[in-house]
Protein backbone atom coordinates (compact mmCIF):
# COMPACT_ATOMS: atom_id res chain seq x y z
CA UNK A 1 -31.08 29.11 -15.96
CA UNK A 2 -29.03 29.31 -19.69
CA UNK A 3 -26.50 25.89 -19.89
CA UNK A 4 -24.19 27.38 -22.11
CA UNK A 5 -21.38 25.40 -24.70
CA UNK A 6 -18.67 23.32 -22.62
CA UNK A 7 -16.08 24.36 -25.92
CA UNK A 8 -18.44 24.36 -29.14
CA UNK A 9 -20.05 27.51 -29.60
CA UNK A 10 -22.60 25.57 -31.94
CA UNK A 11 -23.95 23.86 -29.02
CA UNK A 12 -25.70 27.12 -27.39
CA UNK A 13 -29.38 26.30 -27.98
CA UNK A 14 -31.76 28.29 -30.23
CA UNK A 15 -33.82 28.55 -27.16
CA UNK A 16 -30.75 29.69 -25.14
CA UNK A 17 -30.08 32.31 -27.58
CA UNK A 18 -33.67 33.66 -27.49
CA UNK A 19 -33.50 33.82 -23.54
CA UNK A 20 -30.15 35.85 -23.75
CA UNK A 21 -31.59 38.34 -26.09
CA UNK A 22 -34.38 39.18 -24.09
CA UNK A 23 -33.24 39.04 -20.11
CA UNK A 24 -32.34 42.41 -18.46
CA UNK A 25 -29.07 40.89 -17.10
CA UNK A 26 -26.73 38.06 -16.86
CA UNK A 27 -25.69 36.75 -13.91
CA UNK A 28 -22.24 34.39 -14.49
CA UNK A 29 -19.55 33.19 -13.11
CA UNK A 30 -16.61 35.52 -14.90
CA UNK A 31 -17.68 38.48 -16.67
CA UNK A 32 -14.66 37.92 -18.89
CA UNK A 33 -15.85 34.62 -20.35
CA UNK A 34 -19.55 35.29 -20.59
CA UNK A 35 -19.02 39.04 -22.37
CA UNK A 36 -16.84 36.95 -25.09
CA UNK A 37 -20.38 34.54 -25.80
CA UNK A 38 -22.46 37.67 -25.51
CA UNK A 39 -20.12 39.21 -28.12
CA UNK A 40 -20.20 36.42 -29.92
CA UNK A 41 -24.05 36.36 -30.50
CA UNK A 42 -23.79 40.59 -31.16
CA UNK A 43 -25.31 40.91 -27.29
CA UNK A 44 -24.55 43.42 -24.73
CA UNK A 45 -26.10 43.04 -21.36
CA UNK A 46 -25.63 43.86 -17.83
CA UNK A 47 -22.97 41.48 -16.32
CA UNK A 48 -23.60 40.56 -12.02
CA UNK A 49 -20.29 38.22 -11.11
CA UNK A 50 -21.62 35.90 -9.35
CA UNK A 51 -19.45 32.90 -8.28
CA UNK A 52 -17.90 30.75 -5.61
CA UNK A 53 -16.87 33.28 -3.08
CA UNK A 54 -20.09 35.82 -3.40
CA UNK A 55 -22.71 33.55 -4.21
CA UNK A 56 -25.03 34.56 -1.03
CA UNK A 57 -24.44 38.29 -1.34
CA UNK A 58 -24.65 38.10 -5.41
CA UNK A 59 -27.61 36.13 -4.83
CA UNK A 60 -29.56 38.81 -3.18
CA UNK A 61 -28.91 41.53 -5.14
CA UNK A 62 -30.34 38.79 -8.09
CA UNK A 63 -33.41 38.25 -6.06
CA UNK A 64 -33.69 41.95 -5.68
CA UNK A 65 -33.83 42.29 -9.20
CA UNK A 66 -36.35 40.04 -9.80
CA UNK A 67 -38.46 41.41 -6.92
CA UNK A 68 -38.58 45.04 -9.00
CA UNK A 69 -39.90 42.57 -12.00
CA UNK A 70 -36.74 41.99 -13.82
CA UNK A 71 -36.01 38.71 -15.40
CA UNK A 72 -32.26 37.62 -14.97
CA UNK A 73 -30.54 34.73 -16.85
CA UNK A 74 -28.07 32.34 -14.70
CA UNK A 75 -25.06 30.89 -16.55
CA UNK A 76 -21.62 28.84 -15.94
CA UNK A 77 -18.52 29.77 -17.60
CA UNK A 78 -19.07 26.28 -19.33
CA UNK A 79 -22.53 23.79 -19.05
CA UNK A 80 -25.17 23.63 -16.84
CA UNK A 81 -25.23 26.10 -13.69
CA UNK A 82 -25.41 24.68 -10.64
CA UNK A 83 -23.47 21.41 -11.73
CA UNK A 84 -20.38 21.25 -9.89
CA UNK A 85 -20.62 24.94 -10.68
CA UNK A 86 -22.29 28.10 -9.02
CA UNK A 87 -26.01 28.47 -8.96
CA UNK A 88 -27.74 26.19 -6.02
CA UNK A 89 -27.71 29.19 -3.51
CA UNK A 90 -29.28 31.76 -5.95
CA UNK A 91 -31.63 29.14 -6.92
CA UNK A 92 -33.04 28.30 -3.56
CA UNK A 93 -33.03 32.25 -2.73
CA UNK A 94 -34.85 32.92 -5.50
CA UNK A 95 -37.50 29.73 -5.08
CA UNK A 96 -37.95 30.86 -1.44
CA UNK A 97 -38.80 34.32 -2.38
CA UNK A 98 -41.41 33.13 -4.85
CA UNK A 99 -39.79 33.17 -8.15
CA UNK A 100 -39.96 31.03 -10.94
CA UNK A 101 -36.84 29.29 -11.74
CA UNK A 102 -36.96 28.01 -15.32
CA UNK A 103 -34.09 25.67 -16.45
CA UNK A 104 -32.91 25.49 -20.01
CA UNK A 105 -31.04 22.29 -21.23
CA UNK A 106 -27.93 22.16 -22.85
CA UNK A 107 -24.11 20.95 -22.77
CA UNK A 108 -22.99 18.41 -20.02
CA UNK A 109 -20.13 16.76 -19.92
CA UNK A 110 -20.82 14.26 -17.44
CA UNK A 111 -24.04 13.47 -19.78
CA UNK A 112 -22.00 13.80 -22.63
CA UNK A 113 -19.13 10.97 -21.23
CA UNK A 114 -22.18 8.70 -20.20
CA UNK A 115 -23.34 8.71 -23.56
CA UNK A 116 -20.37 7.87 -25.17
CA UNK A 117 -19.23 5.17 -22.24
CA UNK A 118 -21.19 2.89 -23.84
CA UNK A 119 -21.75 0.59 -20.49
CA UNK A 120 -24.05 -2.16 -21.25
CA UNK A 121 -24.06 -3.04 -17.77
CA UNK A 122 -25.72 0.14 -16.51
CA UNK A 123 -28.11 0.18 -19.40
CA UNK A 124 -29.42 -3.15 -18.47
CA UNK A 125 -29.91 -1.99 -14.70
CA UNK A 126 -31.95 1.43 -15.85
CA UNK A 127 -29.27 4.06 -16.87
CA UNK A 128 -28.34 5.03 -13.66
CA UNK A 129 -25.45 6.45 -12.27
CA UNK A 130 -23.55 8.31 -9.17
CA UNK A 131 -22.19 12.00 -9.93
CA UNK A 132 -19.86 13.06 -7.71
CA UNK A 133 -18.36 16.22 -9.70
CA UNK A 134 -14.85 16.85 -8.32
CA UNK A 135 -13.62 14.45 -5.27
CA UNK A 136 -11.88 16.45 -2.41
CA UNK A 137 -8.55 17.35 -4.00
CA UNK A 138 -6.29 15.69 -1.47
CA UNK A 139 -5.36 13.46 2.03
CA UNK A 140 -8.22 11.04 3.61
CA UNK A 141 -10.94 12.27 2.31
CA UNK A 142 -9.95 12.20 -1.24
CA UNK A 143 -8.52 8.63 -0.73
CA UNK A 144 -11.94 7.55 0.90
CA UNK A 145 -14.41 9.26 -1.50
CA UNK A 146 -12.48 7.40 -4.18
CA UNK A 147 -12.65 3.78 -2.14
CA UNK A 148 -15.94 4.17 -1.61
CA UNK A 149 -17.13 4.33 -5.24
CA UNK A 150 -14.91 1.73 -6.21
CA UNK A 151 -16.90 -0.11 -3.89
CA UNK A 152 -20.37 1.12 -5.40
CA UNK A 153 -21.33 -1.60 -7.95
CA UNK A 154 -23.19 1.37 -10.11
CA UNK A 155 -21.84 3.37 -13.01
CA UNK A 156 -19.72 6.60 -11.30
CA UNK A 157 -19.05 9.03 -13.07
CA UNK A 158 -16.36 12.15 -11.73
CA UNK A 159 -14.49 15.22 -13.33
CA UNK A 160 -10.94 15.58 -12.83
CA UNK A 161 -7.98 18.20 -13.40
CA UNK A 162 -5.00 17.33 -15.49
CA UNK A 163 -2.51 17.73 -12.69
CA UNK A 164 -4.23 15.07 -10.46
CA UNK A 165 -5.40 12.67 -13.25
CA UNK A 166 -2.79 10.22 -12.79
CA UNK A 167 -3.29 9.97 -9.44
CA UNK A 168 -7.14 9.17 -9.57
CA UNK A 169 -5.99 6.50 -12.56
CA UNK A 170 -3.69 4.89 -9.93
CA UNK A 171 -6.40 5.18 -7.35
CA UNK A 172 -9.04 3.07 -9.67
CA UNK A 173 -6.74 0.58 -11.13
CA UNK A 174 -5.78 -0.39 -7.87
CA UNK A 175 -9.58 -0.72 -6.79
CA UNK A 176 -11.34 -1.88 -9.42
CA UNK A 177 -8.23 -3.16 -12.23
CA UNK A 178 -10.61 -5.46 -14.28
CA UNK A 179 -13.63 -2.48 -14.43
CA UNK A 180 -14.07 -0.66 -17.61
CA UNK A 181 -13.37 2.94 -17.45
CA UNK A 182 -13.65 5.66 -19.95
CA UNK A 183 -12.03 8.64 -19.76
CA UNK A 184 -13.58 11.76 -21.88
CA UNK A 185 -11.15 14.50 -22.23
CA UNK A 186 -11.87 17.98 -24.09
CA UNK A 187 -15.16 17.06 -24.75
CA UNK A 188 -16.59 18.90 -27.28
CA UNK A 189 -13.14 20.87 -28.23
CA UNK A 190 -10.31 20.56 -30.83
CA UNK A 191 -8.51 17.79 -29.09
CA UNK A 192 -11.85 15.74 -27.88
CA UNK A 193 -10.53 12.23 -26.85
CA UNK A 194 -12.86 9.56 -25.68
CA UNK A 195 -11.11 6.07 -24.62
CA UNK A 196 -12.46 3.12 -23.01
CA UNK A 197 -10.14 0.44 -21.40
CA UNK A 198 -9.80 -1.86 -17.85
CA UNK A 199 -8.71 0.46 -15.46
CA UNK A 200 -5.96 -1.39 -14.69
CA UNK A 201 -4.92 0.28 -18.34
CA UNK A 202 -5.47 3.48 -17.71
CA UNK A 203 -2.15 4.66 -15.86
CA UNK A 204 -0.24 3.52 -18.80
CA UNK A 205 -2.82 4.50 -21.36
CA UNK A 206 -1.74 8.01 -19.82
CA UNK A 207 1.71 7.73 -19.67
CA UNK A 208 2.50 6.76 -23.36
CA UNK A 209 1.37 10.27 -24.27
CA UNK A 210 1.93 13.54 -22.34
CA UNK A 211 -0.82 15.21 -24.62
CA UNK A 212 -3.40 12.81 -22.84
CA UNK A 213 -2.93 14.05 -19.59
CA UNK A 214 -3.89 17.73 -20.74
CA UNK A 215 -7.06 19.58 -20.48
CA UNK A 216 -10.42 18.82 -18.70
CA UNK A 217 -11.46 15.08 -17.66
CA UNK A 218 -14.51 13.26 -17.08
CA UNK A 219 -14.07 9.88 -16.03
CA UNK A 220 -16.58 7.22 -16.02
CA UNK A 221 -15.75 3.93 -13.86
CA UNK A 222 -18.90 1.13 -15.63
CA UNK A 223 -20.78 -1.00 -13.52
CA UNK A 224 -19.13 -3.73 -11.76
CA UNK A 225 -20.16 -6.93 -13.14
CA UNK A 226 -21.95 -9.69 -10.65
CA UNK A 227 -19.39 -11.75 -8.94
CA UNK A 228 -16.33 -9.71 -10.29
CA UNK A 229 -13.95 -8.32 -8.30
CA UNK A 230 -14.84 -6.57 -5.17
CA UNK A 231 -17.73 -9.32 -4.06
CA UNK A 232 -16.28 -10.07 -0.57
CA UNK A 233 -17.27 -13.18 1.04
CA UNK A 234 -20.02 -13.41 3.08
CA UNK A 235 -17.68 -14.55 6.54
CA UNK A 236 -15.62 -11.68 5.68
CA UNK A 237 -18.68 -9.34 5.50
CA UNK A 238 -19.88 -10.57 9.18
CA UNK A 239 -16.54 -10.26 10.99
CA UNK A 240 -16.88 -6.72 9.17
CA UNK A 241 -19.92 -5.62 10.90
CA UNK A 242 -18.91 -7.02 14.12
CA UNK A 243 -15.94 -5.30 14.36
CA UNK A 244 -16.67 -1.67 13.50
CA UNK A 245 -19.75 -1.82 15.88
CA UNK A 246 -17.36 -1.52 18.34
CA UNK A 247 -14.28 -0.44 16.66
CA UNK A 248 -12.77 2.68 15.19
CA UNK A 249 -12.79 1.81 11.14
CA UNK A 250 -9.51 1.38 10.25
CA UNK A 251 -8.83 -0.86 13.40
CA UNK A 252 -12.44 -2.86 11.92
CA UNK A 253 -10.87 -3.15 8.82
CA UNK A 254 -7.38 -4.40 9.86
CA UNK A 255 -8.71 -7.43 12.27
CA UNK A 256 -10.99 -8.32 9.63
CA UNK A 257 -8.61 -8.93 6.61
CA UNK A 258 -6.49 -10.71 9.49
CA UNK A 259 -9.10 -13.00 10.61
CA UNK A 260 -10.38 -13.41 7.36
CA UNK A 261 -7.88 -13.20 5.06
CA UNK A 262 -9.98 -10.90 2.53
CA UNK A 263 -7.91 -7.93 0.69
CA UNK A 264 -7.85 -4.85 3.16
CA UNK A 265 -8.13 -2.34 0.20
CA UNK A 266 -11.79 -3.95 -0.26
CA UNK A 267 -12.98 -4.24 3.28
CA UNK A 268 -11.75 -0.39 3.83
CA UNK A 269 -13.90 0.56 0.84
CA UNK A 270 -17.08 -1.91 1.81
CA UNK A 271 -16.80 -0.13 5.09
CA UNK A 272 -16.78 3.59 4.09
CA UNK A 273 -19.32 2.21 1.80
CA UNK A 274 -22.08 0.83 4.61
CA UNK A 275 -21.05 3.72 6.71
CA UNK A 276 -22.31 6.00 4.25
CA UNK A 277 -25.42 4.33 3.38
CA UNK A 278 -26.15 4.38 7.33
CA UNK A 279 -25.74 7.72 7.46
């Protein structure tokens, strides 16, 4: 498992180069991207296309190679394999067949963004965070995922595409306006940008310059301060619990909001968080 650069080729580790020089083959997400990396290193290795659409079949071929005594490196186009990229099924299959799986640490846009966020609250709580990767692209699943994440007091980390970054910014600004957010764009590349602000300010910040909506994004929603927005009165929580046991979630939320005066969005996010935690 070889982590590859997310932009700057100088981030490729010496150990990664050492492994790529010695393996019998390289399984990769896109053979064109990996061929470019190998050419940069002056290497030629057989490439095995292993991506989201063929991972089971290609993975079986890799396991066959391992059974014959070959060594295979797995790389993604950028970053660490099997983290929001293909690889997990291959790792499981190789391990099940009794072959060792050796991870080589290296570039990670999620960890780079967390390190640049400077979230003191998360650090004081032990440094933990919730990594979502890419949330659902559209519809109720996306709304529910963002609402549940905003209701969670821990640091939340997302990947996002440029054509959806405005929608995510609006959702976070609505659900958690005073929580701080760090947007990390094009990490390690020429136009790298890291900016931290209250979530309420993020939509306007993006709108102020079209270039800020270009590239690849990591969005870090900072940990929520104790007693800040999102903390619902105990009466509202009690009503929500009672109603949710008897009614569909949306109806329970609507009635709890009407009975207690608590914000419907906050109640809905809390209901999702409780449902997911119970499951």
